[in-house]
Amino acid sequence: MKCPHCGQSQSRVIDTRDSGDGIRRRRLCTNCDQRFTTYEQINTAVHIIKSDGRREPFDRIKLLNGIRMACAKRPIATAELEGLAESIEEYVHNAGKAEIPSSVIGNMVLDRLQVIDPVAYIRFASVYMELPDLESVRAEIDRFIGR
């Protein structure tokens, strides 16, 4: 933190207070003895880097909707789908990164759906992996069965 008066980076915190959505710190520059205030906010927003380079905030609802679409009319409990989305959300927030590639999240969904329901896995894979035709879908099914 640089002093706004002299530009030096050495300062001492003389007071810290909660300021609602962040922290207010009163500082004393060790070079010029001037006081100044800084405000710190916790950045909890994680952004997803899409395959085309766009960035958008992580959205649990969007993730859950994609999983639900793949699992539509399958004998899978809602609680299991919620747990899947929750575990991925937990990973995203605990990863300690500001940005995570969408491929990481997509692969996590695929890995979990392989175990939960093969049909849901193929449905999700056909959209996520952008399988363009029936031959590609067939190849993915063959790969899945032969694993």
N, C-alpha and C. Protein backbone atom coordinates (compact mmCIF):
# COMPACT_ATOMS: atom_id res chain seq x y z
N MET A 1 0.84 -1.17 0.00
CA MET A 1 0.00 0.00 0.00
C MET A 1 0.89 1.23 0.00
N LYS A 2 0.76 2.07 -1.01
CA LYS A 2 1.57 3.28 -1.10
C LYS A 2 0.88 4.46 -0.43
N CYS A 3 1.68 5.24 0.24
CA CYS A 3 1.17 6.45 0.89
C CYS A 3 0.73 7.44 -0.20
N PRO A 4 -0.48 8.00 -0.09
CA PRO A 4 -0.93 8.97 -1.10
C PRO A 4 -0.21 10.32 -0.99
N HIS A 5 0.52 10.54 0.10
CA HIS A 5 1.21 11.81 0.31
C HIS A 5 2.64 11.79 -0.23
N CYS A 6 3.38 10.70 0.07
CA CYS A 6 4.79 10.67 -0.34
C CYS A 6 5.12 9.51 -1.28
N GLY A 7 4.22 8.53 -1.42
CA GLY A 7 4.44 7.43 -2.35
C GLY A 7 5.21 6.24 -1.79
N GLN A 8 5.63 6.32 -0.54
CA GLN A 8 6.36 5.21 0.07
C GLN A 8 5.40 4.05 0.34
N SER A 9 5.94 2.83 0.33
CA SER A 9 5.08 1.66 0.52
C SER A 9 5.08 1.14 1.96
N GLN A 10 5.79 1.77 2.85
CA GLN A 10 5.82 1.33 4.24
C GLN A 10 4.83 2.14 5.07
N SER A 11 3.86 1.43 5.65
CA SER A 11 2.90 2.09 6.53
C SER A 11 2.55 1.13 7.65
N ARG A 12 1.95 1.72 8.66
CA ARG A 12 1.57 0.95 9.84
C ARG A 12 0.07 1.12 10.05
N VAL A 13 -0.62 0.03 10.34
CA VAL A 13 -2.06 0.10 10.62
C VAL A 13 -2.23 0.54 12.07
N ILE A 14 -3.00 1.64 12.24
CA ILE A 14 -3.23 2.13 13.60
C ILE A 14 -4.65 1.89 14.08
N ASP A 15 -5.57 1.55 13.15
CA ASP A 15 -6.94 1.25 13.55
C ASP A 15 -7.59 0.41 12.45
N THR A 16 -8.36 -0.59 12.85
CA THR A 16 -9.09 -1.44 11.91
C THR A 16 -10.52 -1.54 12.37
N ARG A 17 -11.46 -1.34 11.42
CA ARG A 17 -12.88 -1.43 11.75
C ARG A 17 -13.64 -2.10 10.63
N ASP A 18 -14.71 -2.76 11.02
CA ASP A 18 -15.60 -3.37 10.04
C ASP A 18 -16.42 -2.26 9.40
N SER A 19 -16.55 -2.28 8.09
CA SER A 19 -17.34 -1.25 7.41
C SER A 19 -18.43 -1.87 6.55
N GLY A 20 -19.19 -2.77 7.15
CA GLY A 20 -20.30 -3.40 6.42
C GLY A 20 -19.82 -4.52 5.53
N ASP A 21 -19.52 -4.20 4.27
CA ASP A 21 -19.11 -5.23 3.33
C ASP A 21 -17.59 -5.30 3.16
N GLY A 22 -16.86 -4.70 4.07
CA GLY A 22 -15.41 -4.72 3.97
C GLY A 22 -14.75 -4.30 5.28
N ILE A 23 -13.50 -3.87 5.16
CA ILE A 23 -12.72 -3.46 6.33
C ILE A 23 -12.13 -2.08 6.06
N ARG A 24 -12.23 -1.21 7.05
CA ARG A 24 -11.65 0.13 6.98
C ARG A 24 -10.39 0.12 7.83
N ARG A 25 -9.28 0.57 7.26
CA ARG A 25 -8.02 0.62 8.01
C ARG A 25 -7.46 2.04 7.99
N ARG A 26 -7.11 2.51 9.16
CA ARG A 26 -6.43 3.80 9.30
C ARG A 26 -4.95 3.48 9.33
N ARG A 27 -4.19 4.14 8.49
CA ARG A 27 -2.76 3.84 8.38
C ARG A 27 -1.91 5.08 8.66
N LEU A 28 -0.67 4.82 9.09
CA LEU A 28 0.30 5.88 9.34
C LEU A 28 1.53 5.57 8.50
N CYS A 29 1.90 6.51 7.64
CA CYS A 29 3.08 6.33 6.81
C CYS A 29 4.32 6.43 7.70
N THR A 30 5.22 5.45 7.58
CA THR A 30 6.43 5.47 8.41
C THR A 30 7.47 6.43 7.86
N ASN A 31 7.25 6.98 6.67
CA ASN A 31 8.21 7.91 6.07
C ASN A 31 7.84 9.37 6.39
N CYS A 32 6.58 9.75 6.12
CA CYS A 32 6.19 11.16 6.28
C CYS A 32 5.26 11.41 7.47
N ASP A 33 4.90 10.38 8.20
CA ASP A 33 4.02 10.47 9.36
C ASP A 33 2.63 11.01 9.06
N GLN A 34 2.21 10.91 7.81
CA GLN A 34 0.85 11.32 7.43
C GLN A 34 -0.09 10.12 7.60
N ARG A 35 -1.32 10.42 7.94
CA ARG A 35 -2.32 9.36 8.08
C ARG A 35 -3.19 9.31 6.84
N PHE A 36 -3.63 8.08 6.51
CA PHE A 36 -4.57 7.90 5.41
C PHE A 36 -5.41 6.66 5.68
N THR A 37 -6.53 6.57 4.98
CA THR A 37 -7.48 5.48 5.18
C THR A 37 -7.54 4.60 3.95
N THR A 38 -7.60 3.28 4.17
CA THR A 38 -7.81 2.34 3.08
C THR A 38 -9.05 1.52 3.38
N TYR A 39 -9.70 1.07 2.33
CA TYR A 39 -10.88 0.21 2.45
C TYR A 39 -10.59 -1.09 1.71
N GLU A 40 -10.85 -2.20 2.36
CA GLU A 40 -10.63 -3.51 1.76
C GLU A 40 -11.96 -4.21 1.64
N GLN A 41 -12.19 -4.82 0.48
CA GLN A 41 -13.39 -5.61 0.27
C GLN A 41 -12.97 -7.01 -0.13
N ILE A 42 -13.70 -7.98 0.34
CA ILE A 42 -13.42 -9.36 0.01
C ILE A 42 -14.07 -9.66 -1.34
N ASN A 43 -13.28 -10.16 -2.26
CA ASN A 43 -13.77 -10.49 -3.58
C ASN A 43 -14.08 -11.99 -3.62
N THR A 44 -15.35 -12.32 -3.58
CA THR A 44 -15.74 -13.73 -3.58
C THR A 44 -16.25 -14.19 -4.93
N ALA A 45 -16.35 -13.28 -5.89
CA ALA A 45 -16.87 -13.65 -7.20
C ALA A 45 -15.83 -14.44 -7.98
N VAL A 46 -16.22 -15.61 -8.41
CA VAL A 46 -15.37 -16.44 -9.27
C VAL A 46 -15.94 -16.35 -10.67
N HIS A 47 -15.08 -16.11 -11.64
CA HIS A 47 -15.52 -16.03 -13.02
C HIS A 47 -15.14 -17.29 -13.76
N ILE A 48 -16.00 -17.66 -14.68
CA ILE A 48 -15.79 -18.83 -15.52
C ILE A 48 -15.30 -18.34 -16.88
N ILE A 49 -14.21 -18.94 -17.35
CA ILE A 49 -13.68 -18.59 -18.67
C ILE A 49 -14.29 -19.56 -19.67
N LYS A 50 -15.12 -19.05 -20.55
CA LYS A 50 -15.79 -19.87 -21.55
C LYS A 50 -14.80 -20.26 -22.64
N SER A 51 -15.17 -21.23 -23.47
CA SER A 51 -14.26 -21.73 -24.51
C SER A 51 -13.94 -20.66 -25.56
N ASP A 52 -14.82 -19.68 -25.73
CA ASP A 52 -14.56 -18.61 -26.70
C ASP A 52 -13.83 -17.42 -26.07
N GLY A 53 -13.41 -17.56 -24.81
CA GLY A 53 -12.65 -16.51 -24.14
C GLY A 53 -13.48 -15.57 -23.29
N ARG A 54 -14.81 -15.62 -23.43
CA ARG A 54 -15.66 -14.76 -22.60
C ARG A 54 -15.55 -15.17 -21.15
N ARG A 55 -15.81 -14.21 -20.28
CA ARG A 55 -15.81 -14.48 -18.85
C ARG A 55 -17.17 -14.09 -18.30
N GLU A 56 -17.69 -14.97 -17.43
CA GLU A 56 -18.95 -14.65 -16.78
C GLU A 56 -18.90 -15.19 -15.36
N PRO A 57 -19.65 -14.56 -14.46
CA PRO A 57 -19.64 -15.01 -13.07
C PRO A 57 -20.18 -16.44 -12.96
N PHE A 58 -19.62 -17.19 -12.02
CA PHE A 58 -20.11 -18.54 -11.77
C PHE A 58 -21.56 -18.44 -11.32
N ASP A 59 -22.41 -19.29 -11.89
CA ASP A 59 -23.83 -19.26 -11.58
C ASP A 59 -24.29 -20.68 -11.25
N ARG A 60 -24.54 -20.92 -9.97
CA ARG A 60 -24.96 -22.25 -9.52
C ARG A 60 -26.26 -22.68 -10.18
N ILE A 61 -27.18 -21.74 -10.37
CA ILE A 61 -28.47 -22.05 -10.98
C ILE A 61 -28.28 -22.52 -12.42
N LYS A 62 -27.40 -21.86 -13.15
CA LYS A 62 -27.13 -22.26 -14.53
C LYS A 62 -26.53 -23.67 -14.57
N LEU A 63 -25.61 -23.94 -13.67
CA LEU A 63 -25.01 -25.26 -13.57
C LEU A 63 -26.08 -26.31 -13.27
N LEU A 64 -26.90 -26.05 -12.28
CA LEU A 64 -27.94 -26.99 -11.88
C LEU A 64 -28.95 -27.22 -13.00
N ASN A 65 -29.31 -26.17 -13.73
CA ASN A 65 -30.25 -26.32 -14.85
C ASN A 65 -29.67 -27.22 -15.94
N GLY A 66 -28.38 -27.07 -16.24
CA GLY A 66 -27.74 -27.93 -17.24
C GLY A 66 -27.73 -29.39 -16.80
N ILE A 67 -27.46 -29.60 -15.54
CA ILE A 67 -27.47 -30.97 -15.00
C ILE A 67 -28.89 -31.54 -15.04
N ARG A 68 -29.87 -30.72 -14.66
CA ARG A 68 -31.27 -31.17 -14.66
C ARG A 68 -31.74 -31.54 -16.07
N MET A 69 -31.33 -30.76 -17.06
CA MET A 69 -31.73 -31.05 -18.43
C MET A 69 -31.18 -32.40 -18.88
N ALA A 70 -29.93 -32.68 -18.53
CA ALA A 70 -29.32 -33.96 -18.90
C ALA A 70 -29.99 -35.12 -18.17
N CYS A 71 -30.52 -34.85 -17.00
CA CYS A 71 -31.10 -35.91 -16.16
C CYS A 71 -32.63 -35.97 -16.25
N ALA A 72 -33.21 -35.19 -17.16
CA ALA A 72 -34.67 -35.15 -17.27
C ALA A 72 -35.24 -36.54 -17.54
N LYS A 73 -36.29 -36.87 -16.81
CA LYS A 73 -37.01 -38.14 -16.93
C LYS A 73 -36.12 -39.36 -16.68
N ARG A 74 -35.10 -39.16 -15.86
CA ARG A 74 -34.24 -40.27 -15.44
C ARG A 74 -34.51 -40.52 -13.96
N PRO A 75 -34.31 -41.74 -13.50
CA PRO A 75 -34.61 -42.06 -12.09
C PRO A 75 -33.50 -41.59 -11.14
N ILE A 76 -33.35 -40.28 -11.08
CA ILE A 76 -32.31 -39.69 -10.23
C ILE A 76 -32.99 -38.74 -9.25
N ALA A 77 -32.68 -38.90 -7.98
CA ALA A 77 -33.28 -38.06 -6.95
C ALA A 77 -32.82 -36.62 -7.09
N THR A 78 -33.73 -35.71 -6.83
CA THR A 78 -33.41 -34.28 -6.87
C THR A 78 -32.28 -33.96 -5.90
N ALA A 79 -32.30 -34.61 -4.76
CA ALA A 79 -31.26 -34.38 -3.75
C ALA A 79 -29.88 -34.76 -4.30
N GLU A 80 -29.82 -35.78 -5.13
CA GLU A 80 -28.55 -36.19 -5.71
C GLU A 80 -28.04 -35.14 -6.70
N LEU A 81 -28.95 -34.57 -7.48
CA LEU A 81 -28.57 -33.51 -8.42
C LEU A 81 -28.11 -32.27 -7.67
N GLU A 82 -28.84 -31.93 -6.60
CA GLU A 82 -28.45 -30.79 -5.77
C GLU A 82 -27.08 -31.02 -5.15
N GLY A 83 -26.83 -32.23 -4.69
CA GLY A 83 -25.53 -32.56 -4.11
C GLY A 83 -24.40 -32.45 -5.12
N LEU A 84 -24.67 -32.89 -6.35
CA LEU A 84 -23.67 -32.77 -7.41
C LEU A 84 -23.32 -31.31 -7.66
N ALA A 85 -24.36 -30.48 -7.82
CA ALA A 85 -24.13 -29.05 -8.05
C ALA A 85 -23.43 -28.41 -6.85
N GLU A 86 -23.81 -28.80 -5.66
CA GLU A 86 -23.21 -28.25 -4.45
C GLU A 86 -21.73 -28.60 -4.35
N SER A 87 -21.38 -29.84 -4.68
CA SER A 87 -19.97 -30.24 -4.60
C SER A 87 -19.11 -29.49 -5.61
N ILE A 88 -19.68 -29.24 -6.80
CA ILE A 88 -18.94 -28.48 -7.81
C ILE A 88 -18.82 -27.02 -7.38
N GLU A 89 -19.90 -26.46 -6.85
CA GLU A 89 -19.85 -25.08 -6.37
C GLU A 89 -18.82 -24.94 -5.25
N GLU A 90 -18.79 -25.89 -4.36
CA GLU A 90 -17.82 -25.88 -3.27
C GLU A 90 -16.39 -25.90 -3.81
N TYR A 91 -16.16 -26.74 -4.81
CA TYR A 91 -14.83 -26.79 -5.43
C TYR A 91 -14.46 -25.43 -6.02
N VAL A 92 -15.41 -24.84 -6.75
CA VAL A 92 -15.16 -23.54 -7.41
C VAL A 92 -14.77 -22.48 -6.39
N HIS A 93 -15.50 -22.41 -5.29
CA HIS A 93 -15.23 -21.38 -4.30
C HIS A 93 -14.01 -21.68 -3.43
N ASN A 94 -13.68 -22.95 -3.26
CA ASN A 94 -12.52 -23.30 -2.44
C ASN A 94 -11.23 -23.43 -3.24
N ALA A 95 -11.31 -23.30 -4.55
CA ALA A 95 -10.13 -23.45 -5.40
C ALA A 95 -9.13 -22.31 -5.18
N GLY A 96 -9.62 -21.19 -4.66
CA GLY A 96 -8.74 -20.06 -4.40
C GLY A 96 -8.33 -19.32 -5.65
N LYS A 97 -9.10 -19.47 -6.71
CA LYS A 97 -8.79 -18.80 -7.97
C LYS A 97 -9.91 -17.84 -8.32
N ALA A 98 -9.55 -16.76 -8.98
CA ALA A 98 -10.56 -15.78 -9.40
C ALA A 98 -11.25 -16.23 -10.68
N GLU A 99 -10.56 -17.06 -11.47
CA GLU A 99 -11.11 -17.53 -12.74
C GLU A 99 -10.85 -19.03 -12.89
N ILE A 100 -11.84 -19.73 -13.41
CA ILE A 100 -11.73 -21.17 -13.65
C ILE A 100 -12.26 -21.44 -15.05
N PRO A 101 -11.54 -22.22 -15.84
CA PRO A 101 -12.03 -22.55 -17.19
C PRO A 101 -13.32 -23.38 -17.10
N SER A 102 -14.24 -23.12 -18.02
CA SER A 102 -15.50 -23.87 -18.03
C SER A 102 -15.24 -25.35 -18.28
N SER A 103 -14.14 -25.67 -18.93
CA SER A 103 -13.83 -27.08 -19.20
C SER A 103 -13.61 -27.86 -17.91
N VAL A 104 -13.07 -27.21 -16.89
CA VAL A 104 -12.87 -27.89 -15.61
C VAL A 104 -14.22 -28.27 -15.00
N ILE A 105 -15.17 -27.35 -15.05
CA ILE A 105 -16.49 -27.61 -14.49
C ILE A 105 -17.22 -28.65 -15.33
N GLY A 106 -17.16 -28.52 -16.65
CA GLY A 106 -17.81 -29.49 -17.52
C GLY A 106 -17.28 -30.89 -17.32
N ASN A 107 -15.96 -31.02 -17.17
CA ASN A 107 -15.37 -32.34 -16.94
C ASN A 107 -15.76 -32.91 -15.58
N MET A 108 -15.92 -32.04 -14.58
CA MET A 108 -16.37 -32.50 -13.26
C MET A 108 -17.79 -33.06 -13.36
N VAL A 109 -18.66 -32.38 -14.11
CA VAL A 109 -20.03 -32.85 -14.28
C VAL A 109 -20.02 -34.20 -15.01
N LEU A 110 -19.24 -34.29 -16.09
CA LEU A 110 -19.15 -35.55 -16.83
C LEU A 110 -18.68 -36.70 -15.95
N ASP A 111 -17.63 -36.46 -15.17
CA ASP A 111 -17.09 -37.51 -14.30
C ASP A 111 -18.15 -38.02 -13.32
N ARG A 112 -18.91 -37.09 -12.75
CA ARG A 112 -19.91 -37.49 -11.77
C ARG A 112 -21.12 -38.17 -12.41
N LEU A 113 -21.52 -37.67 -13.61
CA LEU A 113 -22.66 -38.28 -14.29
C LEU A 113 -22.34 -39.69 -14.79
N GLN A 114 -21.08 -39.97 -15.09
CA GLN A 114 -20.69 -41.32 -15.51
C GLN A 114 -21.07 -42.32 -14.42
N VAL A 115 -20.88 -41.92 -13.18
CA VAL A 115 -21.17 -42.79 -12.05
C VAL A 115 -22.67 -42.84 -11.75
N ILE A 116 -23.33 -41.70 -11.84
CA ILE A 116 -24.74 -41.60 -11.45
C ILE A 116 -25.66 -42.26 -12.48
N ASP A 117 -25.51 -41.89 -13.76
CA ASP A 117 -26.44 -42.39 -14.78
C ASP A 117 -25.81 -42.28 -16.17
N PRO A 118 -25.61 -43.40 -16.86
CA PRO A 118 -24.97 -43.38 -18.17
C PRO A 118 -25.75 -42.59 -19.23
N VAL A 119 -27.08 -42.65 -19.19
CA VAL A 119 -27.88 -41.92 -20.17
C VAL A 119 -27.73 -40.42 -19.95
N ALA A 120 -27.77 -39.98 -18.71
CA ALA A 120 -27.57 -38.56 -18.40
C ALA A 120 -26.17 -38.12 -18.83
N TYR A 121 -25.19 -39.00 -18.64
CA TYR A 121 -23.83 -38.70 -19.08
C TYR A 121 -23.80 -38.44 -20.59
N ILE A 122 -24.40 -39.32 -21.38
CA ILE A 122 -24.40 -39.17 -22.84
C ILE A 122 -25.16 -37.91 -23.25
N ARG A 123 -26.26 -37.62 -22.59
CA ARG A 123 -27.01 -36.40 -22.89
C ARG A 123 -26.15 -35.16 -22.63
N PHE A 124 -25.52 -35.13 -21.47
CA PHE A 124 -24.69 -33.98 -21.13
C PHE A 124 -23.50 -33.89 -22.08
N ALA A 125 -22.87 -35.03 -22.37
CA ALA A 125 -21.70 -35.06 -23.25
C ALA A 125 -22.05 -34.58 -24.66
N SER A 126 -23.23 -34.94 -25.15
CA SER A 126 -23.60 -34.54 -26.51
C SER A 126 -23.69 -33.03 -26.66
N VAL A 127 -24.08 -32.34 -25.61
CA VAL A 127 -24.14 -30.88 -25.65
C VAL A 127 -22.79 -30.28 -25.28
N TYR A 128 -22.23 -30.72 -24.17
CA TYR A 128 -20.97 -30.15 -23.66
C TYR A 128 -19.81 -30.37 -24.64
N MET A 129 -19.71 -31.58 -25.20
CA MET A 129 -18.61 -31.89 -26.10
C MET A 129 -18.93 -31.51 -27.55
N GLU A 130 -20.13 -30.94 -27.75
CA GLU A 130 -20.58 -30.50 -29.07
C GLU A 130 -20.44 -31.61 -30.10
N LEU A 131 -21.00 -32.76 -29.78
CA LEU A 131 -20.97 -33.89 -30.70
C LEU A 131 -21.89 -33.57 -31.88
N PRO A 132 -21.33 -33.44 -33.08
CA PRO A 132 -22.09 -32.88 -34.21
C PRO A 132 -23.07 -33.83 -34.90
N ASP A 133 -22.86 -35.15 -34.77
CA ASP A 133 -23.71 -36.08 -35.50
C ASP A 133 -23.84 -37.39 -34.72
N LEU A 134 -24.65 -38.29 -35.28
CA LEU A 134 -24.89 -39.56 -34.60
C LEU A 134 -23.64 -40.42 -34.50
N GLU A 135 -22.77 -40.33 -35.48
CA GLU A 135 -21.52 -41.11 -35.43
C GLU A 135 -20.66 -40.67 -34.25
N SER A 136 -20.61 -39.38 -33.99
CA SER A 136 -19.86 -38.88 -32.84
C SER A 136 -20.48 -39.34 -31.53
N VAL A 137 -21.81 -39.33 -31.47
CA VAL A 137 -22.50 -39.80 -30.27
C VAL A 137 -22.23 -41.29 -30.09
N ARG A 138 -22.30 -42.03 -31.19
CA ARG A 138 -22.04 -43.48 -31.15
C ARG A 138 -20.61 -43.76 -30.66
N ALA A 139 -19.65 -42.97 -31.15
CA ALA A 139 -18.25 -43.15 -30.74
C ALA A 139 -18.09 -42.88 -29.24
N GLU A 140 -18.81 -41.88 -28.73
CA GLU A 140 -18.74 -41.57 -27.30
C GLU A 140 -19.40 -42.68 -26.47
N ILE A 141 -20.49 -43.23 -26.98
CA ILE A 141 -21.13 -44.35 -26.28
C ILE A 141 -20.19 -45.55 -26.25
N ASP A 142 -19.58 -45.85 -27.40
CA ASP A 142 -18.63 -46.98 -27.47
C ASP A 142 -17.44 -46.76 -26.53
N ARG A 143 -16.96 -45.53 -26.48
CA ARG A 143 -15.85 -45.22 -25.57
C ARG A 143 -16.28 -45.39 -24.12
N PHE A 144 -17.51 -44.95 -23.82
CA PHE A 144 -18.03 -45.06 -22.46
C PHE A 144 -18.21 -46.52 -22.05
N ILE A 145 -18.75 -47.33 -22.95
CA ILE A 145 -18.99 -48.74 -22.65
C ILE A 145 -17.67 -49.50 -22.52
N GLY A 146 -16.68 -49.15 -23.33
CA GLY A 146 -15.42 -49.86 -23.34
C GLY A 146 -14.43 -49.40 -22.29
N ARG A 147 -14.78 -48.46 -21.46
CA ARG A 147 -13.82 -47.93 -20.49
C ARG A 147 -13.42 -48.93 -19.53
